[in-house]
């Protein structure tokens, strides 16, 4: 196993554990005790105890779960068939690796000059 694959595997584990904890913790019975101990600011405590605050933290956890599932899928596909590599199919790599076809490139005309002449 290469260092890149090992680092990706550790990142996948982090995303799954953090995602489960962040998605489940705001709705557990322990949440109130955590807020009392951690949040000294009354405004912060009220915000995190409100349903929208709990939902925001849950959403952040779900994003972690989706990110971990995506990277796990890429790692499995790379191991099984070599279709996707760790360096080419990450969230940033897939955006940067998109090639524009000549048909999809639209040339922008030169912007008009400030004096109004063409």
Protein backbone atom coordinates (compact mmCIF):
# COMPACT_ATOMS: atom_id res chain seq x y z
CA UNK A 1 0.00 0.00 0.00
CA UNK A 2 1.44 3.36 -0.99
CA UNK A 3 1.67 6.34 1.33
CA UNK A 4 -1.02 8.16 -0.66
CA UNK A 5 -3.43 5.25 -0.30
CA UNK A 6 -2.66 4.96 3.42
CA UNK A 7 -3.25 8.67 3.93
CA UNK A 8 -6.51 8.42 2.00
CA UNK A 9 -7.60 5.44 4.13
CA UNK A 10 -6.89 7.37 7.34
CA UNK A 11 -8.81 10.36 5.96
CA UNK A 12 -11.76 8.08 5.12
CA UNK A 13 -11.75 6.76 8.68
CA UNK A 14 -11.69 10.32 10.04
CA UNK A 15 -14.61 11.37 7.81
CA UNK A 16 -16.74 8.40 8.84
CA UNK A 17 -16.09 8.73 12.59
CA UNK A 18 -16.47 12.51 12.61
CA UNK A 19 -19.57 12.28 10.42
CA UNK A 20 -21.31 9.78 12.69
CA UNK A 21 -20.42 11.74 15.83
CA UNK A 22 -21.44 15.10 14.39
CA UNK A 23 -24.67 13.72 12.93
CA UNK A 24 -25.78 11.89 16.08
CA UNK A 25 -24.39 13.95 18.98
CA UNK A 26 -26.73 16.98 18.78
CA UNK A 27 -29.78 14.75 19.21
CA UNK A 28 -28.41 12.61 22.06
CA UNK A 29 -29.03 13.06 25.78
CA UNK A 30 -25.37 13.89 26.38
CA UNK A 31 -25.62 17.06 24.24
CA UNK A 32 -27.04 19.21 27.04
CA UNK A 33 -24.20 18.27 29.39
CA UNK A 34 -21.64 18.98 26.68
CA UNK A 35 -23.17 22.43 26.10
CA UNK A 36 -23.14 23.32 29.79
CA UNK A 37 -19.47 22.39 30.09
CA UNK A 38 -18.20 23.72 26.77
CA UNK A 39 -20.23 26.82 25.97
CA UNK A 40 -19.54 29.59 28.45
CA UNK A 41 -21.17 32.20 26.22
CA UNK A 42 -24.98 32.23 26.76
CA UNK A 43 -25.65 33.23 23.12
CA UNK A 44 -23.54 30.35 21.82
CA UNK A 45 -25.22 27.94 24.19
CA UNK A 46 -28.70 29.02 23.07
CA UNK A 47 -27.72 28.83 19.40
CA UNK A 48 -26.29 25.33 19.66
CA UNK A 49 -29.26 24.15 21.73
CA UNK A 50 -31.80 25.48 19.22
CA UNK A 51 -33.09 23.12 16.53
CA UNK A 52 -31.39 25.07 13.72
CA UNK A 53 -28.04 24.88 15.53
CA UNK A 54 -28.42 21.15 16.05
CA UNK A 55 -29.45 20.73 12.41
CA UNK A 56 -26.42 22.70 11.22
CA UNK A 57 -24.06 20.43 13.15
CA UNK A 58 -25.92 17.36 11.86
CA UNK A 59 -25.58 18.67 8.30
CA UNK A 60 -21.87 19.15 8.80
CA UNK A 61 -21.67 15.54 9.95
CA UNK A 62 -23.61 14.33 6.91
CA UNK A 63 -21.21 16.20 4.64
CA UNK A 64 -18.32 14.36 6.32
CA UNK A 65 -20.11 11.03 5.77
CA UNK A 66 -20.68 11.77 2.09
CA UNK A 67 -17.10 12.87 1.61
CA UNK A 68 -15.80 9.73 3.29
CA UNK A 69 -18.13 7.52 1.23
CA UNK A 70 -16.94 9.20 -1.98
CA UNK A 71 -13.28 8.73 -1.13
CA UNK A 72 -13.93 5.12 -0.09
CA UNK A 73 -15.60 4.47 -3.44
CA UNK A 74 -12.64 5.98 -5.28
CA UNK A 75 -10.18 3.91 -3.23
CA UNK A 76 -12.12 0.68 -3.89
CA UNK A 77 -12.41 1.40 -7.60
CA UNK A 78 -8.69 2.12 -7.76
CA UNK A 79 -7.87 -1.15 -5.96
CA UNK A 80 -10.25 -3.29 -8.05
CA UNK A 81 -9.78 -2.05 -11.54
CA UNK A 82 -7.61 0.99 -11.65
CA UNK A 83 -10.33 3.17 -13.14
CA UNK A 84 -9.80 6.00 -10.69
CA UNK A 85 -6.55 6.92 -9.03
CA UNK A 86 -6.12 8.64 -5.71
CA UNK A 87 -4.54 11.72 -7.24
CA UNK A 88 -6.94 12.20 -10.17
CA UNK A 89 -10.37 11.68 -8.65
CA UNK A 90 -10.40 13.71 -5.49
CA UNK A 91 -12.81 16.58 -5.08
CA UNK A 92 -10.24 19.10 -6.31
CA UNK A 93 -8.60 16.78 -8.84
CA UNK A 94 -11.85 15.98 -10.62
CA UNK A 95 -12.57 19.67 -11.06
CA UNK A 96 -9.07 20.40 -12.31
CA UNK A 97 -8.93 17.35 -14.59
CA UNK A 98 -12.01 18.27 -16.62
CA UNK A 99 -10.98 18.97 -20.15
CA UNK A 100 -13.01 21.35 -22.25
CA UNK A 101 -13.84 20.16 -25.73
CA UNK A 102 -13.27 22.60 -28.58
CA UNK A 103 -17.03 22.70 -29.23
CA UNK A 104 -17.78 23.82 -25.68
CA UNK A 105 -15.28 26.66 -25.65
CA UNK A 106 -16.89 29.95 -26.54
CA UNK A 107 -14.57 32.74 -27.43
CA UNK A 108 -15.42 35.95 -25.67
CA UNK A 109 -15.31 39.01 -27.86
CA UNK A 110 -12.98 41.75 -26.82
CA UNK A 111 -14.73 43.98 -24.31
CA UNK A 112 -15.64 47.41 -25.63
CA UNK A 113 -13.24 50.18 -24.84
CA UNK A 114 -14.09 52.83 -22.31
CA UNK A 115 -14.58 55.55 -24.88
CA UNK A 116 -17.39 53.54 -26.52
CA UNK A 117 -15.67 52.78 -29.82
CA UNK A 118 -15.73 49.23 -31.13
